[in-house]
Structures are given as C-alpha cells and as structure tokens.
Protein backbone atom coordinates (compact mmCIF):
# COMPACT_ATOMS: atom_id res chain seq x y z
CA MET A 1 0.00 0.00 0.00
CA GLU A 2 1.46 3.31 -1.12
CA ILE A 3 0.38 5.28 1.96
CA ALA A 4 1.91 2.71 4.32
CA ARG A 5 5.18 2.81 2.37
CA ARG A 6 5.28 6.61 2.54
CA LEU A 7 4.41 6.66 6.23
CA ARG A 8 7.23 4.22 7.05
CA ARG A 9 9.72 6.84 5.86
CA SER A 10 8.55 9.23 8.60
CA ARG A 11 10.56 7.85 11.52
CA ARG A 12 10.13 11.06 13.51
CA LEU A 13 6.34 10.78 13.30
CA PHE A 14 6.36 7.15 14.44
CA HIS A 15 8.82 7.89 17.24
CA LEU A 16 6.50 10.63 18.48
CA LEU A 17 3.33 8.53 18.17
CA ILE A 18 4.77 5.43 19.81
CA ALA A 19 6.28 7.47 22.65
CA GLU A 20 3.13 9.49 23.34
CA VAL A 21 0.25 7.03 22.76
CA ASP A 22 -0.91 5.64 26.08
CA THR A 23 -2.60 2.44 24.91
CA GLU A 24 -0.49 -0.69 24.43
CA GLY A 25 -2.69 -2.11 21.67
CA LEU A 26 -2.32 1.01 19.55
CA ARG A 27 1.42 1.05 20.22
CA ARG A 28 1.69 -2.57 18.99
CA ARG A 29 -0.26 -1.75 15.80
CA LEU A 30 2.00 1.25 15.13
CA GLN A 31 5.12 -0.85 15.67
CA ALA A 32 3.79 -3.55 13.33
CA LEU A 33 3.36 -0.90 10.63
CA VAL A 34 6.89 0.44 11.22
CA ASP A 35 8.30 -3.11 11.11
CA ASN A 36 6.53 -3.77 7.78
CA ASN A 37 4.38 -6.49 9.38
CA SER A 38 1.17 -4.59 8.63
CA ASP A 39 -0.23 -2.02 6.20
CA ASP A 40 -2.85 -0.83 8.70
CA VAL A 41 -2.51 2.93 8.19
CA PHE A 42 -5.65 3.55 10.20
CA CYS A 43 -3.71 2.98 13.41
CA VAL A 44 -1.72 6.11 12.51
CA ALA A 45 -4.93 8.06 11.95
CA GLY A 46 -6.27 6.77 15.27
CA ALA A 47 -3.09 7.68 17.11
CA ILE A 48 -3.01 11.16 15.61
CA ARG A 49 -6.69 11.69 16.38
CA HIS A 50 -6.16 10.48 19.93
CA LEU A 51 -3.18 12.73 20.54
CA VAL A 52 -4.76 15.76 18.86
CA ALA A 53 -7.97 15.29 20.84
CA HIS A 54 -5.94 15.20 24.04
CA GLY A 55 -3.77 18.15 23.07
CA TRP A 56 -0.45 16.31 22.80
CA ILE A 57 0.25 16.72 19.13
CA THR A 58 -0.07 19.34 16.44
CA ALA A 59 0.97 19.33 12.81
CA GLY A 60 4.14 21.17 13.89
CA GLY A 61 4.84 18.69 16.66
CA ALA A 62 4.56 15.85 14.17
CA ASP A 63 7.04 17.68 11.96
CA ALA A 64 4.36 18.09 9.30
CA ARG A 65 5.82 21.37 8.17
CA SER A 66 7.20 20.04 4.93
CA ILE A 67 4.94 19.72 1.91
CA SER A 68 5.57 15.96 1.70
CA SER A 69 4.66 15.40 5.38
CA GLN A 70 1.52 17.49 5.01
CA GLN A 71 0.60 15.61 1.82
CA CYS A 72 1.14 12.26 3.54
CA LEU A 73 -1.22 13.27 6.37
CA LEU A 74 -3.76 14.55 3.83
CA ASP A 75 -3.55 11.27 1.90
CA LEU A 76 -4.07 9.35 5.14
CA ALA A 77 -7.14 11.45 5.96
CA ASN A 78 -8.52 10.96 2.45
CA ALA A 79 -7.95 7.19 2.64
CA ALA A 80 -9.81 7.05 5.96
CA LEU A 81 -12.68 9.10 4.53
CA THR A 82 -12.89 6.91 1.41
CA PHE A 83 -12.90 3.76 3.55
CA CYS A 84 -15.70 5.15 5.74
CA ASP A 85 -17.69 6.28 2.68
CA GLU A 86 -17.41 2.82 1.12
CA LYS A 87 -18.45 1.05 4.33
CA PHE A 88 -21.42 3.40 4.76
CA ALA A 89 -22.46 2.92 1.12
CA ASP A 90 -22.22 -0.88 1.54
CA PHE A 91 -24.35 -0.67 4.68
CA CYS A 92 -26.97 1.49 2.96
CA SER A 93 -27.02 -0.79 -0.07
CA GLY A 94 -27.55 -3.80 2.17
CA GLN A 95 -30.37 -2.05 3.98
CA LEU A 96 -32.05 -1.17 0.67
CA GLN A 97 -31.73 -4.75 -0.59
CA THR A 98 -33.19 -6.11 2.65
CA SER A 99 -36.02 -3.60 2.49
CA SER A 100 -36.74 -4.40 -1.18
CA ALA A 101 -36.72 -8.16 -0.52
CA SER A 102 -39.19 -7.71 2.34
CA ALA A 103 -41.49 -5.67 0.13
CA VAL A 104 -41.45 -8.33 -2.62
CA LYS A 105 -42.35 -11.10 -0.12
CA ARG A 106 -45.50 -9.28 0.95
C-alpha cells in the first residue's frame, strides 16, 4: 500500500506517536506498521486523532511542516474518509436490498 510505504519513511512521526500514545494495543499496531508487518494505516490516523484530541500533538509537533509530510497526512485522511464512505455505502445498499426483498415477499 502506497500510503503505508510513505508513512514508514517518517521515523520522527512514528517515534512521536509510539512514545506518546498511552494504549499498548495502539502502540503494537503502530510498531507492526513500522516493522513492515502490517499495512494498517488507520492505526496512525487513530493515534493522531487520539493525541490531537488530548492536546499532545499538532501538525508542527509531528514535523508536518514540509509539503511531503503534510501531503502524507492529507492522503491518510482521504484514505480514511474513502474507507468510511465505502463502508457506509455498503451498509446502505444492504439495507435497501433487505427492504426491497421484504417488500417483494408481501
């Protein structure tokens, strides 16, 4: 996965996330991504969201001052949004099919 490959280059970001995240499970998922044992980029999004929500991290603190770092974070956000959109569309489609099938049976 292209985003995972690009994220792995950002050692400073991972060092910050792994050091500051206070949940062991999230730390393990981040380390697996760093170690190339996983392409789960959503753990990075979750860690960033967690740290931003708790005031520990900013774009500057994550060294996202460079265009490439900012673009990587934007790509990660877009991938998360696309994933959520697809899951929601699948759910809605399933609900419509279930509703249509029930109507036909009547």
